[in-house]
Amino acid sequence: MMAELGGPQPREEIPDKVRRDVASVETDEGWISVIETEDGEDAGSICIWQHDDRGETLSEIGWMVLREFQGRGLGKAATAAILDRAAVDGRWGDVHAFPAVTNAPSNGICRSLGFTLLGTVDDDWDGRIVTENHWVIDPAERLARA
């Protein structure tokens, strides 16, 4: 699942990442949801959070679908659902996504859900530079069109 970002995170960094994720959910600063199949199997995760990016607060969305569940539309459905929730909530503003330029399925999700491609950016992932597409969407406008 992390191949597009240069591989998995180092094992020793995972406990701290999980603690930060749990804290962000507990304080309602971020949303992290499990993507499930119709049968209730855990198939991946989707999240939305805010962070500083070059001096600007940015709302970002990201998702991962386990390999054995890919190609079923689960990522797209989860992304649509969390964008709808964000539209109703109203606090996130424009939502940005940064899939690697080589990640055709995730770029396809952005395209099919109405994100606008702003261009490409180079991002540092644990010392590895990854070229990403920079997509943006206004969840409220998307929901109004639906």
N, C-alpha and C. Protein backbone atom coordinates (compact mmCIF):
# COMPACT_ATOMS: atom_id res chain seq x y z
N MET A 1 0.81 -1.20 0.00
CA MET A 1 0.00 0.00 0.00
C MET A 1 0.86 1.26 0.00
N MET A 2 2.04 1.19 0.52
CA MET A 2 2.90 2.37 0.60
C MET A 2 3.93 2.43 -0.52
N ALA A 3 3.83 1.55 -1.50
CA ALA A 3 4.82 1.49 -2.57
C ALA A 3 4.97 2.82 -3.28
N GLU A 4 3.87 3.52 -3.52
CA GLU A 4 3.92 4.79 -4.22
C GLU A 4 4.65 5.86 -3.41
N LEU A 5 4.77 5.64 -2.10
CA LEU A 5 5.44 6.61 -1.23
C LEU A 5 6.82 6.14 -0.81
N GLY A 6 7.34 5.14 -1.48
CA GLY A 6 8.69 4.68 -1.20
C GLY A 6 8.77 3.50 -0.26
N GLY A 7 7.66 2.93 0.13
CA GLY A 7 7.66 1.76 0.99
C GLY A 7 7.06 2.05 2.35
N PRO A 8 7.00 1.04 3.20
CA PRO A 8 6.37 1.20 4.51
C PRO A 8 7.19 2.11 5.42
N GLN A 9 6.50 2.67 6.41
CA GLN A 9 7.19 3.46 7.43
C GLN A 9 8.06 2.52 8.25
N PRO A 10 9.16 3.04 8.78
CA PRO A 10 9.97 2.20 9.66
C PRO A 10 9.15 1.71 10.85
N ARG A 11 9.29 0.44 11.17
CA ARG A 11 8.50 -0.19 12.23
C ARG A 11 8.57 0.57 13.55
N GLU A 12 9.74 1.10 13.88
CA GLU A 12 9.90 1.79 15.17
C GLU A 12 9.13 3.11 15.23
N GLU A 13 8.70 3.65 14.09
CA GLU A 13 7.94 4.90 14.07
C GLU A 13 6.44 4.68 14.19
N ILE A 14 5.98 3.45 14.03
CA ILE A 14 4.55 3.16 14.01
C ILE A 14 3.85 3.47 15.34
N PRO A 15 4.39 3.06 16.51
CA PRO A 15 3.68 3.36 17.76
C PRO A 15 3.43 4.87 17.97
N ASP A 16 4.41 5.70 17.66
CA ASP A 16 4.22 7.14 17.82
C ASP A 16 3.18 7.66 16.85
N LYS A 17 3.18 7.16 15.62
CA LYS A 17 2.19 7.56 14.61
C LYS A 17 0.78 7.19 15.08
N VAL A 18 0.62 5.99 15.61
CA VAL A 18 -0.69 5.55 16.10
C VAL A 18 -1.14 6.44 17.25
N ARG A 19 -0.22 6.77 18.18
CA ARG A 19 -0.58 7.65 19.31
C ARG A 19 -1.05 9.02 18.80
N ARG A 20 -0.34 9.58 17.83
CA ARG A 20 -0.74 10.89 17.27
C ARG A 20 -2.10 10.79 16.58
N ASP A 21 -2.32 9.70 15.85
CA ASP A 21 -3.60 9.52 15.17
C ASP A 21 -4.75 9.40 16.16
N VAL A 22 -4.56 8.61 17.20
CA VAL A 22 -5.60 8.44 18.23
C VAL A 22 -5.89 9.77 18.90
N ALA A 23 -4.86 10.53 19.22
CA ALA A 23 -5.04 11.84 19.86
C ALA A 23 -5.82 12.79 18.95
N SER A 24 -5.54 12.76 17.66
CA SER A 24 -6.24 13.67 16.74
C SER A 24 -7.72 13.30 16.63
N VAL A 25 -8.03 12.02 16.70
CA VAL A 25 -9.43 11.59 16.66
C VAL A 25 -10.12 11.94 17.98
N GLU A 26 -9.45 11.70 19.09
CA GLU A 26 -10.04 12.01 20.39
C GLU A 26 -10.37 13.48 20.55
N THR A 27 -9.54 14.35 19.98
CA THR A 27 -9.77 15.80 20.08
C THR A 27 -10.59 16.33 18.89
N ASP A 28 -11.01 15.45 18.00
CA ASP A 28 -11.78 15.79 16.81
C ASP A 28 -11.03 16.75 15.89
N GLU A 29 -9.70 16.65 15.91
CA GLU A 29 -8.88 17.45 15.00
C GLU A 29 -8.68 16.75 13.67
N GLY A 30 -8.96 15.48 13.63
CA GLY A 30 -8.87 14.71 12.39
C GLY A 30 -9.86 13.57 12.44
N TRP A 31 -10.21 13.09 11.28
CA TRP A 31 -11.11 11.95 11.17
C TRP A 31 -10.35 10.81 10.53
N ILE A 32 -10.38 9.67 11.16
CA ILE A 32 -9.78 8.46 10.60
C ILE A 32 -10.84 7.38 10.65
N SER A 33 -11.15 6.81 9.51
CA SER A 33 -12.19 5.79 9.44
C SER A 33 -11.65 4.54 8.76
N VAL A 34 -12.19 3.42 9.17
CA VAL A 34 -11.87 2.16 8.52
C VAL A 34 -12.76 2.02 7.29
N ILE A 35 -12.17 1.60 6.18
CA ILE A 35 -12.94 1.28 4.98
C ILE A 35 -13.33 -0.19 5.10
N GLU A 36 -14.62 -0.46 5.01
CA GLU A 36 -15.11 -1.83 5.15
C GLU A 36 -15.78 -2.31 3.87
N THR A 37 -15.72 -3.62 3.67
CA THR A 37 -16.47 -4.23 2.58
C THR A 37 -17.93 -4.34 2.99
N GLU A 38 -18.79 -4.74 2.07
CA GLU A 38 -20.20 -4.96 2.40
C GLU A 38 -20.36 -6.05 3.45
N ASP A 39 -19.39 -6.98 3.51
CA ASP A 39 -19.43 -8.07 4.48
C ASP A 39 -18.82 -7.68 5.83
N GLY A 40 -18.37 -6.42 5.96
CA GLY A 40 -17.81 -5.95 7.22
C GLY A 40 -16.33 -6.23 7.40
N GLU A 41 -15.64 -6.67 6.35
CA GLU A 41 -14.20 -6.89 6.45
C GLU A 41 -13.47 -5.56 6.37
N ASP A 42 -12.44 -5.40 7.20
CA ASP A 42 -11.61 -4.20 7.14
C ASP A 42 -10.79 -4.24 5.86
N ALA A 43 -10.93 -3.20 5.04
CA ALA A 43 -10.28 -3.17 3.74
C ALA A 43 -9.26 -2.04 3.58
N GLY A 44 -9.19 -1.15 4.56
CA GLY A 44 -8.26 -0.03 4.46
C GLY A 44 -8.66 1.08 5.40
N SER A 45 -8.18 2.28 5.09
CA SER A 45 -8.51 3.43 5.94
C SER A 45 -8.57 4.69 5.09
N ILE A 46 -9.28 5.67 5.63
CA ILE A 46 -9.37 6.99 5.02
C ILE A 46 -9.31 8.02 6.12
N CYS A 47 -8.66 9.12 5.85
CA CYS A 47 -8.56 10.14 6.88
C CYS A 47 -8.58 11.53 6.27
N ILE A 48 -8.96 12.48 7.09
CA ILE A 48 -8.91 13.90 6.74
C ILE A 48 -8.36 14.61 7.95
N TRP A 49 -7.46 15.56 7.72
CA TRP A 49 -6.80 16.27 8.81
C TRP A 49 -6.33 17.62 8.29
N GLN A 50 -5.94 18.48 9.22
CA GLN A 50 -5.36 19.76 8.85
C GLN A 50 -3.91 19.81 9.30
N HIS A 51 -3.10 20.53 8.53
CA HIS A 51 -1.70 20.72 8.89
C HIS A 51 -1.19 21.98 8.23
N ASP A 52 -0.05 22.45 8.71
CA ASP A 52 0.58 23.61 8.11
C ASP A 52 1.38 23.18 6.90
N ASP A 53 1.20 23.92 5.82
CA ASP A 53 1.92 23.66 4.58
C ASP A 53 2.41 24.99 4.04
N ARG A 54 3.71 25.21 4.19
CA ARG A 54 4.32 26.46 3.72
C ARG A 54 3.62 27.68 4.30
N GLY A 55 3.32 27.63 5.62
CA GLY A 55 2.71 28.75 6.31
C GLY A 55 1.21 28.88 6.18
N GLU A 56 0.57 27.93 5.51
CA GLU A 56 -0.88 27.95 5.32
C GLU A 56 -1.48 26.69 5.93
N THR A 57 -2.63 26.84 6.60
CA THR A 57 -3.33 25.66 7.11
C THR A 57 -4.07 25.01 5.96
N LEU A 58 -3.83 23.72 5.81
CA LEU A 58 -4.36 22.97 4.68
C LEU A 58 -5.14 21.77 5.21
N SER A 59 -6.33 21.53 4.65
CA SER A 59 -7.06 20.30 4.94
C SER A 59 -6.66 19.29 3.89
N GLU A 60 -6.27 18.09 4.34
CA GLU A 60 -5.81 17.06 3.42
C GLU A 60 -6.58 15.77 3.65
N ILE A 61 -6.77 15.03 2.58
CA ILE A 61 -7.45 13.74 2.63
C ILE A 61 -6.49 12.69 2.08
N GLY A 62 -6.54 11.51 2.67
CA GLY A 62 -5.72 10.41 2.18
C GLY A 62 -6.41 9.09 2.47
N TRP A 63 -6.13 8.10 1.64
CA TRP A 63 -6.76 6.79 1.80
C TRP A 63 -5.79 5.70 1.38
N MET A 64 -6.02 4.53 1.92
CA MET A 64 -5.27 3.33 1.54
C MET A 64 -6.25 2.16 1.54
N VAL A 65 -6.19 1.36 0.49
CA VAL A 65 -7.01 0.16 0.40
C VAL A 65 -6.06 -1.03 0.30
N LEU A 66 -6.27 -2.02 1.16
CA LEU A 66 -5.43 -3.21 1.13
C LEU A 66 -5.48 -3.85 -0.25
N ARG A 67 -4.36 -4.38 -0.67
CA ARG A 67 -4.21 -4.91 -2.03
C ARG A 67 -5.33 -5.87 -2.42
N GLU A 68 -5.70 -6.78 -1.52
CA GLU A 68 -6.71 -7.78 -1.88
C GLU A 68 -8.11 -7.19 -2.07
N PHE A 69 -8.31 -5.92 -1.68
CA PHE A 69 -9.62 -5.28 -1.83
C PHE A 69 -9.62 -4.18 -2.89
N GLN A 70 -8.49 -3.96 -3.52
CA GLN A 70 -8.40 -2.91 -4.53
C GLN A 70 -9.20 -3.29 -5.78
N GLY A 71 -9.63 -2.28 -6.50
CA GLY A 71 -10.36 -2.49 -7.75
C GLY A 71 -11.85 -2.72 -7.57
N ARG A 72 -12.36 -2.56 -6.35
CA ARG A 72 -13.79 -2.78 -6.09
C ARG A 72 -14.57 -1.49 -5.90
N GLY A 73 -13.90 -0.36 -5.99
CA GLY A 73 -14.58 0.92 -5.78
C GLY A 73 -14.69 1.34 -4.33
N LEU A 74 -14.05 0.61 -3.42
CA LEU A 74 -14.15 0.92 -2.00
C LEU A 74 -13.48 2.25 -1.66
N GLY A 75 -12.34 2.53 -2.26
CA GLY A 75 -11.64 3.79 -2.00
C GLY A 75 -12.45 4.98 -2.48
N LYS A 76 -13.03 4.86 -3.64
CA LYS A 76 -13.85 5.94 -4.19
C LYS A 76 -15.08 6.18 -3.31
N ALA A 77 -15.75 5.10 -2.91
CA ALA A 77 -16.95 5.25 -2.07
C ALA A 77 -16.60 5.88 -0.73
N ALA A 78 -15.49 5.46 -0.13
CA ALA A 78 -15.08 6.02 1.16
C ALA A 78 -14.72 7.50 1.02
N THR A 79 -14.02 7.84 -0.07
CA THR A 79 -13.64 9.23 -0.30
C THR A 79 -14.88 10.10 -0.49
N ALA A 80 -15.84 9.62 -1.27
CA ALA A 80 -17.08 10.37 -1.46
C ALA A 80 -17.81 10.56 -0.14
N ALA A 81 -17.86 9.52 0.69
CA ALA A 81 -18.58 9.59 1.96
C ALA A 81 -17.93 10.59 2.91
N ILE A 82 -16.61 10.58 3.01
CA ILE A 82 -15.96 11.51 3.95
C ILE A 82 -16.03 12.94 3.43
N LEU A 83 -16.02 13.12 2.10
CA LEU A 83 -16.20 14.47 1.55
C LEU A 83 -17.61 14.98 1.84
N ASP A 84 -18.60 14.11 1.75
CA ASP A 84 -19.97 14.51 2.09
C ASP A 84 -20.06 14.90 3.56
N ARG A 85 -19.43 14.11 4.41
CA ARG A 85 -19.41 14.42 5.85
C ARG A 85 -18.71 15.75 6.09
N ALA A 86 -17.61 16.00 5.39
CA ALA A 86 -16.88 17.26 5.54
C ALA A 86 -17.73 18.44 5.09
N ALA A 87 -18.51 18.25 4.02
CA ALA A 87 -19.37 19.32 3.54
C ALA A 87 -20.41 19.70 4.58
N VAL A 88 -21.02 18.71 5.20
CA VAL A 88 -22.04 18.95 6.22
C VAL A 88 -21.40 19.59 7.47
N ASP A 89 -20.22 19.13 7.85
CA ASP A 89 -19.51 19.66 9.02
C ASP A 89 -19.12 21.12 8.81
N GLY A 90 -18.61 21.43 7.62
CA GLY A 90 -18.31 22.81 7.25
C GLY A 90 -16.98 23.40 7.68
N ARG A 91 -16.20 22.73 8.49
CA ARG A 91 -14.99 23.35 9.00
C ARG A 91 -13.74 23.13 8.16
N TRP A 92 -13.79 22.21 7.21
CA TRP A 92 -12.57 21.82 6.52
C TRP A 92 -12.21 22.73 5.36
N GLY A 93 -13.17 23.44 4.79
CA GLY A 93 -12.88 24.27 3.62
C GLY A 93 -12.46 23.40 2.45
N ASP A 94 -11.63 23.98 1.57
CA ASP A 94 -11.11 23.19 0.46
C ASP A 94 -10.29 22.02 1.00
N VAL A 95 -10.43 20.87 0.37
CA VAL A 95 -9.71 19.66 0.79
C VAL A 95 -8.74 19.28 -0.32
N HIS A 96 -7.50 19.02 0.07
CA HIS A 96 -6.42 18.71 -0.87
C HIS A 96 -6.05 17.23 -0.79
N ALA A 97 -5.65 16.68 -1.92
CA ALA A 97 -5.15 15.30 -1.99
C ALA A 97 -3.84 15.32 -2.78
N PHE A 98 -2.92 14.45 -2.40
CA PHE A 98 -1.59 14.43 -3.01
C PHE A 98 -1.14 13.02 -3.37
N PRO A 99 -1.86 12.34 -4.26
CA PRO A 99 -1.38 11.01 -4.67
C PRO A 99 -0.15 11.13 -5.56
N ALA A 100 0.73 10.15 -5.46
CA ALA A 100 1.90 10.12 -6.34
C ALA A 100 1.44 10.15 -7.80
N VAL A 101 2.22 10.79 -8.65
CA VAL A 101 1.83 10.87 -10.06
C VAL A 101 1.71 9.49 -10.69
N THR A 102 2.40 8.51 -10.12
CA THR A 102 2.36 7.14 -10.64
C THR A 102 1.21 6.32 -10.09
N ASN A 103 0.43 6.88 -9.17
CA ASN A 103 -0.67 6.15 -8.54
C ASN A 103 -1.97 6.38 -9.33
N ALA A 104 -2.11 5.66 -10.43
CA ALA A 104 -3.26 5.84 -11.31
C ALA A 104 -4.60 5.65 -10.61
N PRO A 105 -4.77 4.63 -9.75
CA PRO A 105 -6.09 4.47 -9.10
C PRO A 105 -6.48 5.66 -8.22
N SER A 106 -5.55 6.17 -7.42
CA SER A 106 -5.89 7.30 -6.55
C SER A 106 -6.12 8.58 -7.35
N ASN A 107 -5.33 8.79 -8.39
CA ASN A 107 -5.57 9.94 -9.26
C ASN A 107 -6.91 9.81 -9.95
N GLY A 108 -7.30 8.58 -10.31
CA GLY A 108 -8.60 8.33 -10.91
C GLY A 108 -9.74 8.66 -9.96
N ILE A 109 -9.56 8.34 -8.69
CA ILE A 109 -10.59 8.69 -7.69
C ILE A 109 -10.75 10.20 -7.63
N CYS A 110 -9.65 10.92 -7.56
CA CYS A 110 -9.73 12.39 -7.52
C CYS A 110 -10.45 12.92 -8.76
N ARG A 111 -10.06 12.44 -9.90
CA ARG A 111 -10.65 12.91 -11.17
C ARG A 111 -12.16 12.62 -11.19
N SER A 112 -12.53 11.39 -10.84
CA SER A 112 -13.94 10.99 -10.96
C SER A 112 -14.85 11.66 -9.93
N LEU A 113 -14.28 12.10 -8.80
CA LEU A 113 -15.10 12.76 -7.77
C LEU A 113 -15.15 14.27 -7.93
N GLY A 114 -14.45 14.80 -8.94
CA GLY A 114 -14.57 16.23 -9.22
C GLY A 114 -13.47 17.10 -8.64
N PHE A 115 -12.39 16.50 -8.14
CA PHE A 115 -11.26 17.31 -7.71
C PHE A 115 -10.69 18.05 -8.91
N THR A 116 -10.05 19.17 -8.67
CA THR A 116 -9.36 19.94 -9.70
C THR A 116 -7.86 19.72 -9.54
N LEU A 117 -7.19 19.38 -10.62
CA LEU A 117 -5.73 19.19 -10.59
C LEU A 117 -5.05 20.54 -10.66
N LEU A 118 -4.26 20.87 -9.62
CA LEU A 118 -3.55 22.15 -9.57
C LEU A 118 -2.16 22.06 -10.17
N GLY A 119 -1.61 20.85 -10.26
CA GLY A 119 -0.25 20.68 -10.78
C GLY A 119 0.46 19.58 -10.00
N THR A 120 1.78 19.57 -10.08
CA THR A 120 2.56 18.58 -9.34
C THR A 120 3.44 19.27 -8.31
N VAL A 121 3.78 18.51 -7.28
CA VAL A 121 4.70 18.98 -6.23
C VAL A 121 5.65 17.84 -5.90
N ASP A 122 6.83 18.18 -5.48
CA ASP A 122 7.78 17.20 -4.96
C ASP A 122 7.71 17.24 -3.45
N ASP A 123 7.52 16.08 -2.84
CA ASP A 123 7.37 15.98 -1.39
C ASP A 123 8.41 15.02 -0.84
N ASP A 124 8.89 15.32 0.34
CA ASP A 124 9.89 14.50 1.01
C ASP A 124 9.19 13.52 1.95
N TRP A 125 9.32 12.23 1.64
CA TRP A 125 8.76 11.16 2.47
C TRP A 125 9.92 10.39 3.08
N ASP A 126 10.25 10.73 4.33
CA ASP A 126 11.34 10.05 5.03
C ASP A 126 12.61 10.02 4.19
N GLY A 127 12.95 11.17 3.62
CA GLY A 127 14.18 11.27 2.85
C GLY A 127 14.07 10.84 1.40
N ARG A 128 12.89 10.43 0.96
CA ARG A 128 12.66 10.06 -0.43
C ARG A 128 11.77 11.11 -1.08
N ILE A 129 12.21 11.66 -2.20
CA ILE A 129 11.40 12.65 -2.90
C ILE A 129 10.38 11.93 -3.78
N VAL A 130 9.11 12.27 -3.59
CA VAL A 130 8.02 11.68 -4.35
C VAL A 130 7.32 12.82 -5.10
N THR A 131 7.14 12.66 -6.39
CA THR A 131 6.39 13.64 -7.17
C THR A 131 4.92 13.28 -7.09
N GLU A 132 4.14 14.25 -6.65
CA GLU A 132 2.72 14.02 -6.40
C GLU A 132 1.86 14.98 -7.24
N ASN A 133 0.68 14.52 -7.59
CA ASN A 133 -0.31 15.42 -8.17
C ASN A 133 -0.99 16.14 -7.02
N HIS A 134 -1.23 17.42 -7.18
CA HIS A 134 -1.91 18.23 -6.16
C HIS A 134 -3.33 18.51 -6.65
N TRP A 135 -4.27 17.86 -5.98
CA TRP A 135 -5.69 17.98 -6.31
C TRP A 135 -6.38 18.77 -5.20
N VAL A 136 -7.48 19.46 -5.54
CA VAL A 136 -8.26 20.18 -4.54
C VAL A 136 -9.75 20.10 -4.89
N ILE A 137 -10.56 20.12 -3.83
CA ILE A 137 -12.02 20.11 -4.02
C ILE A 137 -12.67 20.87 -2.87
N ASP A 138 -13.77 21.52 -3.17
CA ASP A 138 -14.61 22.14 -2.14
C ASP A 138 -15.73 21.15 -1.87
N PRO A 139 -15.72 20.50 -0.70
CA PRO A 139 -16.75 19.48 -0.42
C PRO A 139 -18.19 20.02 -0.49
N ALA A 140 -18.38 21.27 -0.07
CA ALA A 140 -19.74 21.84 -0.09
C ALA A 140 -20.23 21.99 -1.53
N GLU A 141 -19.36 22.45 -2.43
CA GLU A 141 -19.75 22.58 -3.84
C GLU A 141 -20.03 21.20 -4.45
N ARG A 142 -19.21 20.22 -4.09
CA ARG A 142 -19.43 18.87 -4.60
C ARG A 142 -20.79 18.34 -4.16
N LEU A 143 -21.10 18.50 -2.88
CA LEU A 143 -22.37 18.02 -2.35
C LEU A 143 -23.55 18.74 -3.00
N ALA A 144 -23.40 20.03 -3.25
CA ALA A 144 -24.48 20.80 -3.87
C ALA A 144 -24.75 20.31 -5.30
N ARG A 145 -23.70 19.84 -5.99
CA ARG A 145 -23.86 19.33 -7.37
C ARG A 145 -24.48 17.94 -7.40
N ALA A 146 -24.36 17.20 -6.30
CA ALA A 146 -24.83 15.81 -6.28
C ALA A 146 -26.33 15.69 -6.27
